[in-house]
Amino acid sequence: RTEIGNKKPMIGPYGVNYGDYPIDVY
């Protein structure tokens, strides 16, 4: 849990090859 940021939603914008997903998805 020390690695979690809680700054961006885990689901990002669709249709744009979203690559800037947060480390929170892990």
mmCIF file of all heavy atoms, coordinates in Angstrom:
data_MODEL
# 
_entry.id   MODEL 
# 
loop_
_atom_site.group_PDB 
_atom_site.id 
_atom_site.type_symbol 
_atom_site.label_atom_id 
_atom_site.label_alt_id 
_atom_site.label_comp_id 
_atom_site.label_asym_id 
_atom_site.label_entity_id 
_atom_site.label_seq_id 
_atom_site.pdbx_PDB_ins_code 
_atom_site.Cartn_x 
_atom_site.Cartn_y 
_atom_site.Cartn_z 
_atom_site.occupancy 
_atom_site.B_iso_or_equiv 
_atom_site.pdbx_formal_charge 
_atom_site.auth_seq_id 
_atom_site.auth_comp_id 
_atom_site.auth_asym_id 
_atom_site.auth_atom_id 
_atom_site.pdbx_PDB_model_num 
ATOM 1   N N   . ARG A 1 1  ? 0.808   -1.222 0.000   1.00 0.00 ? 1  ARG A N   1 
ATOM 2   C CA  . ARG A 1 1  ? 0.000   0.000  0.000   1.00 0.00 ? 1  ARG A CA  1 
ATOM 3   C C   . ARG A 1 1  ? 0.842   1.273  0.000   1.00 0.00 ? 1  ARG A C   1 
ATOM 4   O O   . ARG A 1 1  ? 0.362   2.339  -0.411  1.00 0.00 ? 1  ARG A O   1 
ATOM 5   C CB  . ARG A 1 1  ? -0.943  0.008  1.211   1.00 0.00 ? 1  ARG A CB  1 
ATOM 6   C CG  . ARG A 1 1  ? -2.042  -1.033 1.115   1.00 0.00 ? 1  ARG A CG  1 
ATOM 7   C CD  . ARG A 1 1  ? -2.899  -1.079 2.374   1.00 0.00 ? 1  ARG A CD  1 
ATOM 8   N NE  . ARG A 1 1  ? -3.937  -2.092 2.276   1.00 0.00 ? 1  ARG A NE  1 
ATOM 9   C CZ  . ARG A 1 1  ? -4.769  -2.422 3.250   1.00 0.00 ? 1  ARG A CZ  1 
ATOM 10  N NH1 . ARG A 1 1  ? -4.666  -1.811 4.438   1.00 0.00 ? 1  ARG A NH1 1 
ATOM 11  N NH2 . ARG A 1 1  ? -5.683  -3.353 3.075   1.00 0.00 ? 1  ARG A NH2 1 
ATOM 12  N N   . THR A 1 2  ? 2.070   1.182  0.433   1.00 0.00 ? 2  THR A N   1 
ATOM 13  C CA  . THR A 1 2  ? 2.923   2.375  0.453   1.00 0.00 ? 2  THR A CA  1 
ATOM 14  C C   . THR A 1 2  ? 3.200   2.884  -0.960  1.00 0.00 ? 2  THR A C   1 
ATOM 15  O O   . THR A 1 2  ? 3.628   4.028  -1.132  1.00 0.00 ? 2  THR A O   1 
ATOM 16  C CB  . THR A 1 2  ? 4.262   2.069  1.151   1.00 0.00 ? 2  THR A CB  1 
ATOM 17  O OG1 . THR A 1 2  ? 4.903   0.968  0.494   1.00 0.00 ? 2  THR A OG1 1 
ATOM 18  C CG2 . THR A 1 2  ? 4.039   1.724  2.621   1.00 0.00 ? 2  THR A CG2 1 
ATOM 19  N N   . GLU A 1 3  ? 2.960   2.037  -1.967  1.00 0.00 ? 3  GLU A N   1 
ATOM 20  C CA  . GLU A 1 3  ? 3.213   2.436  -3.351  1.00 0.00 ? 3  GLU A CA  1 
ATOM 21  C C   . GLU A 1 3  ? 2.016   3.125  -3.994  1.00 0.00 ? 3  GLU A C   1 
ATOM 22  O O   . GLU A 1 3  ? 2.105   3.607  -5.125  1.00 0.00 ? 3  GLU A O   1 
ATOM 23  C CB  . GLU A 1 3  ? 3.581   1.194  -4.186  1.00 0.00 ? 3  GLU A CB  1 
ATOM 24  C CG  . GLU A 1 3  ? 4.782   0.405  -3.658  1.00 0.00 ? 3  GLU A CG  1 
ATOM 25  C CD  . GLU A 1 3  ? 6.075   1.179  -3.784  1.00 0.00 ? 3  GLU A CD  1 
ATOM 26  O OE1 . GLU A 1 3  ? 6.183   2.026  -4.691  1.00 0.00 ? 3  GLU A OE1 1 
ATOM 27  O OE2 . GLU A 1 3  ? 6.976   0.947  -2.958  1.00 0.00 ? 3  GLU A OE2 1 
ATOM 28  N N   . ILE A 1 4  ? 0.876   3.169  -3.304  1.00 0.00 ? 4  ILE A N   1 
ATOM 29  C CA  . ILE A 1 4  ? -0.360  3.681  -3.893  1.00 0.00 ? 4  ILE A CA  1 
ATOM 30  C C   . ILE A 1 4  ? -0.396  5.203  -3.825  1.00 0.00 ? 4  ILE A C   1 
ATOM 31  O O   . ILE A 1 4  ? -0.041  5.805  -2.814  1.00 0.00 ? 4  ILE A O   1 
ATOM 32  C CB  . ILE A 1 4  ? -1.583  3.079  -3.186  1.00 0.00 ? 4  ILE A CB  1 
ATOM 33  C CG1 . ILE A 1 4  ? -1.577  1.544  -3.334  1.00 0.00 ? 4  ILE A CG1 1 
ATOM 34  C CG2 . ILE A 1 4  ? -2.883  3.659  -3.742  1.00 0.00 ? 4  ILE A CG2 1 
ATOM 35  C CD1 . ILE A 1 4  ? -2.648  0.846  -2.526  1.00 0.00 ? 4  ILE A CD1 1 
ATOM 36  N N   . GLY A 1 5  ? -0.860  5.816  -4.907  1.00 0.00 ? 5  GLY A N   1 
ATOM 37  C CA  . GLY A 1 5  ? -0.905  7.273  -4.971  1.00 0.00 ? 5  GLY A CA  1 
ATOM 38  C C   . GLY A 1 5  ? -2.280  7.878  -4.734  1.00 0.00 ? 5  GLY A C   1 
ATOM 39  O O   . GLY A 1 5  ? -2.410  8.962  -4.185  1.00 0.00 ? 5  GLY A O   1 
ATOM 40  N N   . ASN A 1 6  ? -3.347  7.194  -5.201  1.00 0.00 ? 6  ASN A N   1 
ATOM 41  C CA  . ASN A 1 6  ? -4.718  7.715  -5.086  1.00 0.00 ? 6  ASN A CA  1 
ATOM 42  C C   . ASN A 1 6  ? -4.848  9.125  -5.671  1.00 0.00 ? 6  ASN A C   1 
ATOM 43  O O   . ASN A 1 6  ? -5.540  9.981  -5.113  1.00 0.00 ? 6  ASN A O   1 
ATOM 44  C CB  . ASN A 1 6  ? -5.180  7.711  -3.611  1.00 0.00 ? 6  ASN A CB  1 
ATOM 45  C CG  . ASN A 1 6  ? -5.465  6.321  -3.094  1.00 0.00 ? 6  ASN A CG  1 
ATOM 46  O OD1 . ASN A 1 6  ? -6.060  5.500  -3.787  1.00 0.00 ? 6  ASN A OD1 1 
ATOM 47  N ND2 . ASN A 1 6  ? -5.020  6.036  -1.878  1.00 0.00 ? 6  ASN A ND2 1 
ATOM 48  N N   . LYS A 1 7  ? -4.198  9.332  -6.818  1.00 0.00 ? 7  LYS A N   1 
ATOM 49  C CA  . LYS A 1 7  ? -4.250  10.650 -7.451  1.00 0.00 ? 7  LYS A CA  1 
ATOM 50  C C   . LYS A 1 7  ? -5.026  10.644 -8.764  1.00 0.00 ? 7  LYS A C   1 
ATOM 51  O O   . LYS A 1 7  ? -5.525  11.686 -9.189  1.00 0.00 ? 7  LYS A O   1 
ATOM 52  C CB  . LYS A 1 7  ? -2.832  11.170 -7.701  1.00 0.00 ? 7  LYS A CB  1 
ATOM 53  C CG  . LYS A 1 7  ? -2.058  11.456 -6.421  1.00 0.00 ? 7  LYS A CG  1 
ATOM 54  C CD  . LYS A 1 7  ? -0.657  11.959 -6.716  1.00 0.00 ? 7  LYS A CD  1 
ATOM 55  C CE  . LYS A 1 7  ? 0.107   12.250 -5.422  1.00 0.00 ? 7  LYS A CE  1 
ATOM 56  N NZ  . LYS A 1 7  ? 1.497   12.723 -5.687  1.00 0.00 ? 7  LYS A NZ  1 
ATOM 57  N N   . LYS A 1 8  ? -5.122  9.484  -9.408  1.00 0.00 ? 8  LYS A N   1 
ATOM 58  C CA  . LYS A 1 8  ? -5.840  9.369  -10.673 1.00 0.00 ? 8  LYS A CA  1 
ATOM 59  C C   . LYS A 1 8  ? -6.722  8.126  -10.626 1.00 0.00 ? 8  LYS A C   1 
ATOM 60  O O   . LYS A 1 8  ? -6.354  7.129  -9.993  1.00 0.00 ? 8  LYS A O   1 
ATOM 61  C CB  . LYS A 1 8  ? -4.850  9.242  -11.843 1.00 0.00 ? 8  LYS A CB  1 
ATOM 62  C CG  . LYS A 1 8  ? -3.963  10.462 -12.044 1.00 0.00 ? 8  LYS A CG  1 
ATOM 63  C CD  . LYS A 1 8  ? -2.836  10.174 -13.014 1.00 0.00 ? 8  LYS A CD  1 
ATOM 64  C CE  . LYS A 1 8  ? -3.340  9.884  -14.407 1.00 0.00 ? 8  LYS A CE  1 
ATOM 65  N NZ  . LYS A 1 8  ? -2.209  9.752  -15.370 1.00 0.00 ? 8  LYS A NZ  1 
ATOM 66  N N   . PRO A 1 9  ? -7.878  8.162  -11.290 1.00 0.00 ? 9  PRO A N   1 
ATOM 67  C CA  . PRO A 1 9  ? -8.700  6.953  -11.358 1.00 0.00 ? 9  PRO A CA  1 
ATOM 68  C C   . PRO A 1 9  ? -7.939  5.818  -12.048 1.00 0.00 ? 9  PRO A C   1 
ATOM 69  O O   . PRO A 1 9  ? -7.097  6.061  -12.922 1.00 0.00 ? 9  PRO A O   1 
ATOM 70  C CB  . PRO A 1 9  ? -9.910  7.382  -12.197 1.00 0.00 ? 9  PRO A CB  1 
ATOM 71  C CG  . PRO A 1 9  ? -9.935  8.874  -12.120 1.00 0.00 ? 9  PRO A CG  1 
ATOM 72  C CD  . PRO A 1 9  ? -8.496  9.300  -12.002 1.00 0.00 ? 9  PRO A CD  1 
ATOM 73  N N   . MET A 1 10 ? -8.256  4.601  -11.678 1.00 0.00 ? 10 MET A N   1 
ATOM 74  C CA  . MET A 1 10 ? -7.586  3.470  -12.317 1.00 0.00 ? 10 MET A CA  1 
ATOM 75  C C   . MET A 1 10 ? -8.063  3.276  -13.751 1.00 0.00 ? 10 MET A C   1 
ATOM 76  O O   . MET A 1 10 ? -7.316  2.789  -14.597 1.00 0.00 ? 10 MET A O   1 
ATOM 77  C CB  . MET A 1 10 ? -7.798  2.195  -11.499 1.00 0.00 ? 10 MET A CB  1 
ATOM 78  C CG  . MET A 1 10 ? -6.956  2.153  -10.236 1.00 0.00 ? 10 MET A CG  1 
ATOM 79  S SD  . MET A 1 10 ? -6.734  0.479  -9.599  1.00 0.00 ? 10 MET A SD  1 
ATOM 80  C CE  . MET A 1 10 ? -8.320  0.190  -8.847  1.00 0.00 ? 10 MET A CE  1 
ATOM 81  N N   . ILE A 1 11 ? -9.313  3.623  -14.039 1.00 0.00 ? 11 ILE A N   1 
ATOM 82  C CA  . ILE A 1 11 ? -9.804  3.577  -15.416 1.00 0.00 ? 11 ILE A CA  1 
ATOM 83  C C   . ILE A 1 11 ? -9.588  4.948  -16.044 1.00 0.00 ? 11 ILE A C   1 
ATOM 84  O O   . ILE A 1 11 ? -9.975  5.977  -15.480 1.00 0.00 ? 11 ILE A O   1 
ATOM 85  C CB  . ILE A 1 11 ? -11.288 3.181  -15.471 1.00 0.00 ? 11 ILE A CB  1 
ATOM 86  C CG1 . ILE A 1 11 ? -11.434 1.706  -15.080 1.00 0.00 ? 11 ILE A CG1 1 
ATOM 87  C CG2 . ILE A 1 11 ? -11.866 3.432  -16.856 1.00 0.00 ? 11 ILE A CG2 1 
ATOM 88  C CD1 . ILE A 1 11 ? -12.865 1.194  -15.127 1.00 0.00 ? 11 ILE A CD1 1 
ATOM 89  N N   . GLY A 1 12 ? -8.972  4.963  -17.221 1.00 0.00 ? 12 GLY A N   1 
ATOM 90  C CA  . GLY A 1 12 ? -8.651  6.214  -17.895 1.00 0.00 ? 12 GLY A CA  1 
ATOM 91  C C   . GLY A 1 12 ? -9.569  6.487  -19.063 1.00 0.00 ? 12 GLY A C   1 
ATOM 92  O O   . GLY A 1 12 ? -10.603 5.832  -19.242 1.00 0.00 ? 12 GLY A O   1 
ATOM 93  N N   . PRO A 1 13 ? -9.212  7.452  -19.911 1.00 0.00 ? 13 PRO A N   1 
ATOM 94  C CA  . PRO A 1 13 ? -10.021 7.799  -21.087 1.00 0.00 ? 13 PRO A CA  1 
ATOM 95  C C   . PRO A 1 13 ? -9.929  6.724  -22.158 1.00 0.00 ? 13 PRO A C   1 
ATOM 96  O O   . PRO A 1 13 ? -8.881  6.123  -22.384 1.00 0.00 ? 13 PRO A O   1 
ATOM 97  C CB  . PRO A 1 13 ? -9.415  9.122  -21.552 1.00 0.00 ? 13 PRO A CB  1 
ATOM 98  C CG  . PRO A 1 13 ? -8.023  9.113  -21.027 1.00 0.00 ? 13 PRO A CG  1 
ATOM 99  C CD  . PRO A 1 13 ? -8.058  8.359  -19.743 1.00 0.00 ? 13 PRO A CD  1 
ATOM 100 N N   . TYR A 1 14 ? -11.036 6.481  -22.831 1.00 0.00 ? 14 TYR A N   1 
ATOM 101 C CA  . TYR A 1 14 ? -11.129 5.455  -23.871 1.00 0.00 ? 14 TYR A CA  1 
ATOM 102 C C   . TYR A 1 14 ? -10.826 6.048  -25.252 1.00 0.00 ? 14 TYR A C   1 
ATOM 103 O O   . TYR A 1 14 ? -10.955 7.239  -25.492 1.00 0.00 ? 14 TYR A O   1 
ATOM 104 C CB  . TYR A 1 14 ? -12.529 4.837  -23.881 1.00 0.00 ? 14 TYR A CB  1 
ATOM 105 C CG  . TYR A 1 14 ? -12.828 3.975  -22.675 1.00 0.00 ? 14 TYR A CG  1 
ATOM 106 C CD1 . TYR A 1 14 ? -13.266 4.559  -21.478 1.00 0.00 ? 14 TYR A CD1 1 
ATOM 107 C CD2 . TYR A 1 14 ? -12.682 2.606  -22.729 1.00 0.00 ? 14 TYR A CD2 1 
ATOM 108 C CE1 . TYR A 1 14 ? -13.541 3.774  -20.372 1.00 0.00 ? 14 TYR A CE1 1 
ATOM 109 C CE2 . TYR A 1 14 ? -12.968 1.808  -21.627 1.00 0.00 ? 14 TYR A CE2 1 
ATOM 110 C CZ  . TYR A 1 14 ? -13.389 2.392  -20.444 1.00 0.00 ? 14 TYR A CZ  1 
ATOM 111 O OH  . TYR A 1 14 ? -13.662 1.612  -19.358 1.00 0.00 ? 14 TYR A OH  1 
ATOM 112 N N   . GLY A 1 15 ? -10.418 5.170  -26.147 1.00 0.00 ? 15 GLY A N   1 
ATOM 113 C CA  . GLY A 1 15 ? -10.308 5.524  -27.553 1.00 0.00 ? 15 GLY A CA  1 
ATOM 114 C C   . GLY A 1 15 ? -9.075  6.303  -27.941 1.00 0.00 ? 15 GLY A C   1 
ATOM 115 O O   . GLY A 1 15 ? -9.002  6.830  -29.054 1.00 0.00 ? 15 GLY A O   1 
ATOM 116 N N   . VAL A 1 16 ? -8.060  6.367  -27.043 1.00 0.00 ? 16 VAL A N   1 
ATOM 117 C CA  . VAL A 1 16 ? -6.884  7.192  -27.344 1.00 0.00 ? 16 VAL A CA  1 
ATOM 118 C C   . VAL A 1 16 ? -5.574  6.476  -27.018 1.00 0.00 ? 16 VAL A C   1 
ATOM 119 O O   . VAL A 1 16 ? -4.538  7.115  -26.857 1.00 0.00 ? 16 VAL A O   1 
ATOM 120 C CB  . VAL A 1 16 ? -6.936  8.542  -26.583 1.00 0.00 ? 16 VAL A CB  1 
ATOM 121 C CG1 . VAL A 1 16 ? -7.993  9.450  -27.174 1.00 0.00 ? 16 VAL A CG1 1 
ATOM 122 C CG2 . VAL A 1 16 ? -7.170  8.322  -25.092 1.00 0.00 ? 16 VAL A CG2 1 
ATOM 123 N N   . ASN A 1 17 ? -5.620  5.146  -26.911 1.00 0.00 ? 17 ASN A N   1 
ATOM 124 C CA  . ASN A 1 17 ? -4.414  4.385  -26.573 1.00 0.00 ? 17 ASN A CA  1 
ATOM 125 C C   . ASN A 1 17 ? -3.768  4.936  -25.302 1.00 0.00 ? 17 ASN A C   1 
ATOM 126 O O   . ASN A 1 17 ? -2.572  5.220  -25.255 1.00 0.00 ? 17 ASN A O   1 
ATOM 127 C CB  . ASN A 1 17 ? -3.408  4.402  -27.722 1.00 0.00 ? 17 ASN A CB  1 
ATOM 128 C CG  . ASN A 1 17 ? -2.290  3.393  -27.514 1.00 0.00 ? 17 ASN A CG  1 
ATOM 129 O OD1 . ASN A 1 17 ? -2.528  2.266  -27.121 1.00 0.00 ? 17 ASN A OD1 1 
ATOM 130 N ND2 . ASN A 1 17 ? -1.057  3.807  -27.783 1.00 0.00 ? 17 ASN A ND2 1 
ATOM 131 N N   . TYR A 1 18 ? -4.583  5.059  -24.278 1.00 0.00 ? 18 TYR A N   1 
ATOM 132 C CA  . TYR A 1 18 ? -4.159  5.673  -23.013 1.00 0.00 ? 18 TYR A CA  1 
ATOM 133 C C   . TYR A 1 18 ? -2.995  4.894  -22.411 1.00 0.00 ? 18 TYR A C   1 
ATOM 134 O O   . TYR A 1 18 ? -3.128  3.726  -22.052 1.00 0.00 ? 18 TYR A O   1 
ATOM 135 C CB  . TYR A 1 18 ? -5.343  5.690  -22.060 1.00 0.00 ? 18 TYR A CB  1 
ATOM 136 C CG  . TYR A 1 18 ? -5.082  6.307  -20.705 1.00 0.00 ? 18 TYR A CG  1 
ATOM 137 C CD1 . TYR A 1 18 ? -4.720  7.641  -20.582 1.00 0.00 ? 18 TYR A CD1 1 
ATOM 138 C CD2 . TYR A 1 18 ? -5.237  5.552  -19.549 1.00 0.00 ? 18 TYR A CD2 1 
ATOM 139 C CE1 . TYR A 1 18 ? -4.513  8.212  -19.333 1.00 0.00 ? 18 TYR A CE1 1 
ATOM 140 C CE2 . TYR A 1 18 ? -5.037  6.115  -18.296 1.00 0.00 ? 18 TYR A CE2 1 
ATOM 141 C CZ  . TYR A 1 18 ? -4.673  7.444  -18.198 1.00 0.00 ? 18 TYR A CZ  1 
ATOM 142 O OH  . TYR A 1 18 ? -4.467  8.010  -16.962 1.00 0.00 ? 18 TYR A OH  1 
ATOM 143 N N   . GLY A 1 19 ? -1.853  5.557  -22.288 1.00 0.00 ? 19 GLY A N   1 
ATOM 144 C CA  . GLY A 1 19 ? -0.672  4.900  -21.745 1.00 0.00 ? 19 GLY A CA  1 
ATOM 145 C C   . GLY A 1 19 ? -0.210  5.466  -20.419 1.00 0.00 ? 19 GLY A C   1 
ATOM 146 O O   . GLY A 1 19 ? 0.657   4.896  -19.764 1.00 0.00 ? 19 GLY A O   1 
ATOM 147 N N   . ASP A 1 20 ? -0.825  6.584  -19.999 1.00 0.00 ? 20 ASP A N   1 
ATOM 148 C CA  . ASP A 1 20 ? -0.393  7.259  -18.774 1.00 0.00 ? 20 ASP A CA  1 
ATOM 149 C C   . ASP A 1 20 ? -1.202  6.769  -17.573 1.00 0.00 ? 20 ASP A C   1 
ATOM 150 O O   . ASP A 1 20 ? -1.621  7.544  -16.724 1.00 0.00 ? 20 ASP A O   1 
ATOM 151 C CB  . ASP A 1 20 ? -0.544  8.766  -18.938 1.00 0.00 ? 20 ASP A CB  1 
ATOM 152 C CG  . ASP A 1 20 ? 0.141   9.541  -17.819 1.00 0.00 ? 20 ASP A CG  1 
ATOM 153 O OD1 . ASP A 1 20 ? 1.105   9.007  -17.238 1.00 0.00 ? 20 ASP A OD1 1 
ATOM 154 O OD2 . ASP A 1 20 ? -0.304  10.673 -17.535 1.00 0.00 ? 20 ASP A OD2 1 
ATOM 155 N N   . TYR A 1 21 ? -1.442  5.458  -17.541 1.00 0.00 ? 21 TYR A N   1 
ATOM 156 C CA  . TYR A 1 21 ? -2.217  4.914  -16.430 1.00 0.00 ? 21 TYR A CA  1 
ATOM 157 C C   . TYR A 1 21 ? -1.377  4.955  -15.155 1.00 0.00 ? 21 TYR A C   1 
ATOM 158 O O   . TYR A 1 21 ? -0.153  4.813  -15.175 1.00 0.00 ? 21 TYR A O   1 
ATOM 159 C CB  . TYR A 1 21 ? -2.689  3.493  -16.731 1.00 0.00 ? 21 TYR A CB  1 
ATOM 160 C CG  . TYR A 1 21 ? -1.626  2.553  -17.224 1.00 0.00 ? 21 TYR A CG  1 
ATOM 161 C CD1 . TYR A 1 21 ? -0.796  1.874  -16.345 1.00 0.00 ? 21 TYR A CD1 1 
ATOM 162 C CD2 . TYR A 1 21 ? -1.461  2.321  -18.586 1.00 0.00 ? 21 TYR A CD2 1 
ATOM 163 C CE1 . TYR A 1 21 ? 0.187   1.009  -16.790 1.00 0.00 ? 21 TYR A CE1 1 
ATOM 164 C CE2 . TYR A 1 21 ? -0.482  1.454  -19.041 1.00 0.00 ? 21 TYR A CE2 1 
ATOM 165 C CZ  . TYR A 1 21 ? 0.332   0.803  -18.147 1.00 0.00 ? 21 TYR A CZ  1 
ATOM 166 O OH  . TYR A 1 21 ? 1.305   -0.062 -18.593 1.00 0.00 ? 21 TYR A OH  1 
ATOM 167 N N   . PRO A 1 22 ? -2.036  5.135  -13.997 1.00 0.00 ? 22 PRO A N   1 
ATOM 168 C CA  . PRO A 1 22 ? -1.286  5.279  -12.746 1.00 0.00 ? 22 PRO A CA  1 
ATOM 169 C C   . PRO A 1 22 ? -0.748  3.943  -12.255 1.00 0.00 ? 22 PRO A C   1 
ATOM 170 O O   . PRO A 1 22 ? -1.275  2.873  -12.587 1.00 0.00 ? 22 PRO A O   1 
ATOM 171 C CB  . PRO A 1 22 ? -2.325  5.836  -11.783 1.00 0.00 ? 22 PRO A CB  1 
ATOM 172 C CG  . PRO A 1 22 ? -3.624  5.278  -12.288 1.00 0.00 ? 22 PRO A CG  1 
ATOM 173 C CD  . PRO A 1 22 ? -3.479  5.260  -13.800 1.00 0.00 ? 22 PRO A CD  1 
ATOM 174 N N   . ILE A 1 23 ? 0.276   4.012  -11.431 1.00 0.00 ? 23 ILE A N   1 
ATOM 175 C CA  . ILE A 1 23 ? 0.824   2.800  -10.821 1.00 0.00 ? 23 ILE A CA  1 
ATOM 176 C C   . ILE A 1 23 ? -0.216  2.125  -9.933  1.00 0.00 ? 23 ILE A C   1 
ATOM 177 O O   . ILE A 1 23 ? -0.088  0.943  -9.594  1.00 0.00 ? 23 ILE A O   1 
ATOM 178 C CB  . ILE A 1 23 ? 2.104   3.141  -10.032 1.00 0.00 ? 23 ILE A CB  1 
ATOM 179 C CG1 . ILE A 1 23 ? 2.933   1.867  -9.776  1.00 0.00 ? 23 ILE A CG1 1 
ATOM 180 C CG2 . ILE A 1 23 ? 1.758   3.857  -8.735  1.00 0.00 ? 23 ILE A CG2 1 
ATOM 181 C CD1 . ILE A 1 23 ? 4.311   2.144  -9.235  1.00 0.00 ? 23 ILE A CD1 1 
ATOM 182 N N   . ASP A 1 24 ? -1.282  2.855  -9.618  1.00 0.00 ? 24 ASP A N   1 
ATOM 183 C CA  . ASP A 1 24 ? -2.343  2.283  -8.792  1.00 0.00 ? 24 ASP A CA  1 
ATOM 184 C C   . ASP A 1 24 ? -3.019  1.082  -9.437  1.00 0.00 ? 24 ASP A C   1 
ATOM 185 O O   . ASP A 1 24 ? -3.637  0.270  -8.734  1.00 0.00 ? 24 ASP A O   1 
ATOM 186 C CB  . ASP A 1 24 ? -3.402  3.347  -8.478  1.00 0.00 ? 24 ASP A CB  1 
ATOM 187 C CG  . ASP A 1 24 ? -2.922  4.367  -7.468  1.00 0.00 ? 24 ASP A CG  1 
ATOM 188 O OD1 . ASP A 1 24 ? -1.747  4.277  -7.049  1.00 0.00 ? 24 ASP A OD1 1 
ATOM 189 O OD2 . ASP A 1 24 ? -3.697  5.271  -7.104  1.00 0.00 ? 24 ASP A OD2 1 
ATOM 190 N N   . VAL A 1 25 ? -2.949  0.939  -10.762 1.00 0.00 ? 25 VAL A N   1 
ATOM 191 C CA  . VAL A 1 25 ? -3.561  -0.239 -11.383 1.00 0.00 ? 25 VAL A CA  1 
ATOM 192 C C   . VAL A 1 25 ? -2.881  -1.517 -10.898 1.00 0.00 ? 25 VAL A C   1 
ATOM 193 O O   . VAL A 1 25 ? -3.450  -2.609 -11.018 1.00 0.00 ? 25 VAL A O   1 
ATOM 194 C CB  . VAL A 1 25 ? -3.529  -0.168 -12.930 1.00 0.00 ? 25 VAL A CB  1 
ATOM 195 C CG1 . VAL A 1 25 ? -4.310  1.034  -13.425 1.00 0.00 ? 25 VAL A CG1 1 
ATOM 196 C CG2 . VAL A 1 25 ? -2.109  -0.164 -13.473 1.00 0.00 ? 25 VAL A CG2 1 
ATOM 197 N N   . TYR A 1 26 ? -1.668  -1.389 -10.352 1.00 0.00 ? 26 TYR A N   1 
ATOM 198 C CA  . TYR A 1 26 ? -0.980  -2.530 -9.760  1.00 0.00 ? 26 TYR A CA  1 
ATOM 199 C C   . TYR A 1 26 ? -1.368  -2.679 -8.280  1.00 0.00 ? 26 TYR A C   1 
ATOM 200 O O   . TYR A 1 26 ? -2.116  -3.568 -7.903  1.00 0.00 ? 26 TYR A O   1 
ATOM 201 C CB  . TYR A 1 26 ? 0.534   -2.363 -9.857  1.00 0.00 ? 26 TYR A CB  1 
ATOM 202 C CG  . TYR A 1 26 ? 1.095   -2.344 -11.256 1.00 0.00 ? 26 TYR A CG  1 
ATOM 203 C CD1 . TYR A 1 26 ? 1.111   -1.170 -12.003 1.00 0.00 ? 26 TYR A CD1 1 
ATOM 204 C CD2 . TYR A 1 26 ? 1.631   -3.484 -11.827 1.00 0.00 ? 26 TYR A CD2 1 
ATOM 205 C CE1 . TYR A 1 26 ? 1.637   -1.143 -13.284 1.00 0.00 ? 26 TYR A CE1 1 
ATOM 206 C CE2 . TYR A 1 26 ? 2.170   -3.473 -13.103 1.00 0.00 ? 26 TYR A CE2 1 
ATOM 207 C CZ  . TYR A 1 26 ? 2.171   -2.292 -13.826 1.00 0.00 ? 26 TYR A CZ  1 
ATOM 208 O OH  . TYR A 1 26 ? 2.697   -2.272 -15.093 1.00 0.00 ? 26 TYR A OH  1 
# 
